[in-house]
Amino acid sequence: MGEYRLGDAIRNFLNKSSLKNGVRAVQIENVWETIMGKTIAKYTDKIQIINKTLYIYTSVGPLKQELLFQKATIIERVNEAMGDKVISDVVIH
């Protein structure tokens, strides 16, 4: 049996696990304010990833419209912040 660093072992586990999207969603939530700004972060209720699609939940109508216009920018910023192509689409609820 080979030796692994703890971080490598956790990464390998998450890559093979169904927990991967949940962990990435939490990572995105942690940098969401930096990526999108304080106002958008304040009115974002929930972030979820399902099959490379980022679901953003908000109850503020004008914010939904603004986020729809910024879909390409959101994808670019999130992927850049995560250092990998984590998402390929955004759905606003």
C-alpha atoms as a PDB file:
ATOM      1  CA  MET A   1       0.000   0.000   0.000  1.00  0.00           C
ATOM      2  CA  GLY A   2       1.438   3.370  -1.017  1.00  0.00           C
ATOM      3  CA  GLU A   3       1.717   6.398   1.179  1.00  0.00           C
ATOM      4  CA  TYR A   4      -0.451   9.443   0.553  1.00  0.00           C
ATOM      5  CA  ARG A   5      -0.535  12.871   2.037  1.00  0.00           C
ATOM      6  CA  LEU A   6      -3.763  13.548   3.874  1.00  0.00           C
ATOM      7  CA  GLY A   7      -4.729  16.335   1.461  1.00  0.00           C
ATOM      8  CA  ASP A   8      -4.152  14.065  -1.550  1.00  0.00           C
ATOM      9  CA  ALA A   9      -6.184  11.282   0.029  1.00  0.00           C
ATOM     10  CA  ILE A  10      -9.083  13.654   0.725  1.00  0.00           C
ATOM     11  CA  ARG A  11      -8.939  15.073  -2.826  1.00  0.00           C
ATOM     12  CA  ASN A  12      -8.970  11.551  -4.298  1.00  0.00           C
ATOM     13  CA  PHE A  13     -11.909  10.594  -2.102  1.00  0.00           C
ATOM     14  CA  LEU A  14     -13.893  13.705  -3.051  1.00  0.00           C
ATOM     15  CA  ASN A  15     -13.209  13.236  -6.770  1.00  0.00           C
ATOM     16  CA  LYS A  16     -14.768   9.775  -6.579  1.00  0.00           C
ATOM     17  CA  SER A  17     -17.511  10.726  -4.134  1.00  0.00           C
ATOM     18  CA  SER A  18     -20.953  12.263  -4.548  1.00  0.00           C
ATOM     19  CA  LEU A  19     -19.911  14.852  -1.937  1.00  0.00           C
ATOM     20  CA  LYS A  20     -17.729  16.647  -4.494  1.00  0.00           C
ATOM     21  CA  ASN A  21     -20.422  19.088  -5.687  1.00  0.00           C
ATOM     22  CA  GLY A  22     -21.488  19.910  -2.139  1.00  0.00           C
ATOM     23  CA  VAL A  23     -17.920  20.695  -1.146  1.00  0.00           C
ATOM     24  CA  ARG A  24     -17.425  22.841  -4.249  1.00  0.00           C
ATOM     25  CA  ALA A  25     -20.654  24.718  -3.517  1.00  0.00           C
ATOM     26  CA  VAL A  26     -19.356  25.520  -0.028  1.00  0.00           C
ATOM     27  CA  GLN A  27     -16.042  26.656  -1.514  1.00  0.00           C
ATOM     28  CA  ILE A  28     -17.906  28.924  -3.936  1.00  0.00           C
ATOM     29  CA  GLU A  29     -20.047  30.310  -1.100  1.00  0.00           C
ATOM     30  CA  ASN A  30     -16.845  31.172   0.766  1.00  0.00           C
ATOM     31  CA  VAL A  31     -15.570  33.318  -2.133  1.00  0.00           C
ATOM     32  CA  TRP A  32     -18.967  34.450  -3.478  1.00  0.00           C
ATOM     33  CA  GLU A  33     -18.723  37.935  -1.935  1.00  0.00           C
ATOM     34  CA  THR A  34     -15.241  38.412  -3.380  1.00  0.00           C
ATOM     35  CA  ILE A  35     -16.367  37.204  -6.810  1.00  0.00           C
ATOM     36  CA  MET A  36     -19.696  39.035  -7.079  1.00  0.00           C
ATOM     37  CA  GLY A  37     -19.589  41.812  -4.482  1.00  0.00           C
ATOM     38  CA  LYS A  38     -21.244  42.448  -1.116  1.00  0.00           C
ATOM     39  CA  THR A  39     -24.691  43.421  -2.399  1.00  0.00           C
ATOM     40  CA  ILE A  40     -25.196  40.335  -4.558  1.00  0.00           C
ATOM     41  CA  ALA A  41     -23.785  38.081  -1.836  1.00  0.00           C
ATOM     42  CA  LYS A  42     -26.119  39.625   0.731  1.00  0.00           C
ATOM     43  CA  TYR A  43     -29.227  38.777  -1.289  1.00  0.00           C
ATOM     44  CA  THR A  44     -28.147  35.333  -2.499  1.00  0.00           C
ATOM     45  CA  ASP A  45     -30.079  32.761  -0.475  1.00  0.00           C
ATOM     46  CA  LYS A  46     -28.429  29.524  -1.591  1.00  0.00           C
ATOM     47  CA  ILE A  47     -25.824  28.169  -4.019  1.00  0.00           C
ATOM     48  CA  GLN A  48     -25.865  24.610  -5.306  1.00  0.00           C
ATOM     49  CA  ILE A  49     -23.960  22.651  -7.975  1.00  0.00           C
ATOM     50  CA  ILE A  50     -25.537  19.818  -9.926  1.00  0.00           C
ATOM     51  CA  ASN A  51     -23.715  18.332 -12.940  1.00  0.00           C
ATOM     52  CA  LYS A  52     -21.487  21.378 -13.583  1.00  0.00           C
ATOM     53  CA  THR A  53     -24.487  23.707 -13.325  1.00  0.00           C
ATOM     54  CA  LEU A  54     -24.436  26.402 -10.653  1.00  0.00           C
ATOM     55  CA  TYR A  55     -27.882  27.066  -9.194  1.00  0.00           C
ATOM     56  CA  ILE A  56     -28.245  30.454  -7.536  1.00  0.00           C
ATOM     57  CA  TYR A  57     -31.303  31.075  -5.383  1.00  0.00           C
ATOM     58  CA  THR A  58     -32.544  34.563  -4.554  1.00  0.00           C
ATOM     59  CA  SER A  59     -35.940  36.048  -3.735  1.00  0.00           C
ATOM     60  CA  VAL A  60     -35.066  39.488  -5.132  1.00  0.00           C
ATOM     61  CA  GLY A  61     -36.578  39.957  -8.610  1.00  0.00           C
ATOM     62  CA  PRO A  62     -34.228  42.673  -9.914  1.00  0.00           C
ATOM     63  CA  LEU A  63     -31.214  40.656  -8.737  1.00  0.00           C
ATOM     64  CA  LYS A  64     -32.455  37.643 -10.708  1.00  0.00           C
ATOM     65  CA  GLN A  65     -32.486  39.782 -13.852  1.00  0.00           C
ATOM     66  CA  GLU A  66     -29.009  41.162 -13.142  1.00  0.00           C
ATOM     67  CA  LEU A  67     -27.617  37.666 -12.571  1.00  0.00           C
ATOM     68  CA  LEU A  68     -29.203  36.444 -15.826  1.00  0.00           C
ATOM     69  CA  PHE A  69     -27.359  39.188 -17.706  1.00  0.00           C
ATOM     70  CA  GLN A  70     -24.087  38.224 -15.976  1.00  0.00           C
ATOM     71  CA  LYS A  71     -24.211  34.435 -16.555  1.00  0.00           C
ATOM     72  CA  ALA A  72     -21.054  34.329 -18.709  1.00  0.00           C
ATOM     73  CA  THR A  73     -19.185  36.530 -16.225  1.00  0.00           C
ATOM     74  CA  ILE A  74     -20.299  34.366 -13.289  1.00  0.00           C
ATOM     75  CA  ILE A  75     -19.074  31.200 -15.020  1.00  0.00           C
ATOM     76  CA  GLU A  76     -15.736  32.813 -15.837  1.00  0.00           C
ATOM     77  CA  ARG A  77     -15.194  34.252 -12.339  1.00  0.00           C
ATOM     78  CA  VAL A  78     -16.200  31.089 -10.477  1.00  0.00           C
ATOM     79  CA  ASN A  79     -14.000  28.862 -12.631  1.00  0.00           C
ATOM     80  CA  GLU A  80     -11.099  31.274 -12.239  1.00  0.00           C
ATOM     81  CA  ALA A  81     -11.539  31.412  -8.458  1.00  0.00           C
ATOM     82  CA  MET A  82     -11.738  27.619  -8.221  1.00  0.00           C
ATOM     83  CA  GLY A  83      -8.729  27.121 -10.518  1.00  0.00           C
ATOM     84  CA  ASP A  84     -10.621  24.580 -12.639  1.00  0.00           C
ATOM     85  CA  LYS A  85     -13.622  24.358 -14.962  1.00  0.00           C
ATOM     86  CA  VAL A  86     -16.064  23.640 -12.149  1.00  0.00           C
ATOM     87  CA  ILE A  87     -19.215  25.008 -13.791  1.00  0.00           C
ATOM     88  CA  SER A  88     -20.401  25.352 -17.368  1.00  0.00           C
ATOM     89  CA  ASP A  89     -23.885  26.816 -16.845  1.00  0.00           C
ATOM     90  CA  VAL A  90     -25.780  28.995 -14.384  1.00  0.00           C
ATOM     91  CA  VAL A  91     -29.467  28.758 -13.465  1.00  0.00           C
ATOM     92  CA  ILE A  92     -31.133  31.497 -11.432  1.00  0.00           C
ATOM     93  CA  HIS A  93     -34.091  30.648  -9.158  1.00  0.00           C
END
